[in-house]
């Protein structure tokens, strides 16, 4: 009997605690405003193994920034929000793009501003060289906010330029994602070298047990003298990303000039203050001189501080505003139910919907989750193109010939709800045509998926993708 009790009591306790965890997690998940798919996925994991489920949820389930951090972040958003200029160019937009810009303003707290110019870069090396040259010519300030700044050849060109510029007395501030750029902050990393040269280097979202550990600042932004800015999909790293699967990575970035710099400056200032408590003064867009023949733009920062900042709202707005064509370029495609329905409805309305994704991804699990949705999209009339030469890393949506969404956000759950992202809406036929031409070049280097051939894939491949799709709300 003694031996029986010695064995039975620990087992009973283990099982009882497991059911307590299940019951508690059920209440937590009902309280949280999860999408139904995510809630069901978490319940499945917790009920399958409560101890593992609880551990995963504590690490990945809470999207909070930590006690007090959300309030602090929202205060900064209000501090750097930009009022609608008196001479707002929004009245010049078409009816559909005007509605879209209103939605984006509500999400990102920034209006449409006119008088801007843009130069696109589809060659990573050219973009790095141009950015390094602008840094070296800076006279007052250099502000960099990047997901990745590496110590390889590409990154070193930027590091050398920062050191030389700081040596001349120019204020240089660098904000890097603490996880993706973690090598920079090691004892032998280049952050220490930059600091010795007078560059202020700060990690963004350093790991804390008080918040979800995989919240990331995924933005890519450089501002020089509040006179020009760089934004887009490109990190400051070699195109092979250190030999990662699927390379070389193919990006598209841009150099901006004009009043829109004031909106970019506000994004950097709010992120800098969020990590350092140092609040910077930024120029209002209305105080910056417009460029002759310039175009209308709108910066849209999104992040996990509140549901209202969701990039998904911006993306769904783009889909619903499309009348003729909708072309999507993304390296990671893990849509939620609302996104899938919106894409299918767009195709049903007669919109020519085209999706450009890499044939070979650096993340097989994420790619598998995306593939599980291809059959339904193909049946609805969505054309899917798999890019061949490398990993297409451009994040771009073009809508008709009127507006484009250009920036750092992927079409996946992470960018929709978890990452701090930076998108820019570009309005007008001319700029949309330029970006459509870039997307057309991607399509020319892609293989279109055939619905019948895709349906004839092996049973094993179909089951594998379907199995992974069960956890896609959590990816």
Foldseek 3Di string as FASTA:
>chain_A
DVVVCVVPPVVVVVVVVLVVLLVVVLVVLVPDPADPLQSVLLNVVCVVPVVVSVVCCLQFVFLALFPPLLVLLVVLLVVLQADQDPVHPLVVADPLVSVLQVLLCQQFNWHKDKQKDKDKDFDLQVVLVVVLVLLLPFDAEKEWEAAEQDPDPQSVSNLVSLLNNVLVVHAYEYEYACPSHVQQVPPPHCVVVSVVSVYHYFHFSDADSRGHRPFTAHWGKMQGPLFKMKFFADGRDQQCNVVFPFDSETTMMMMMGALCSQVSVSVRQSRCCSGVVDHDDGDHSVVTDRHVVTFMKIKHKAAQSDLSNFVVSSVLSLLVSADAEKEWEAAFAQADPVVLVSLLVSLVNVHAAEYEYAPIHSDVLRVLLRLLCVLVNVVSPYKYWHADPGGHHGGKMAGDQFKMKGGHAGNALCRRHRYTIMIMITGDNPVSVVVVVVVVVRRVRTDIDDNVVSVPDDPVSNVVSVVSNSCRNSD
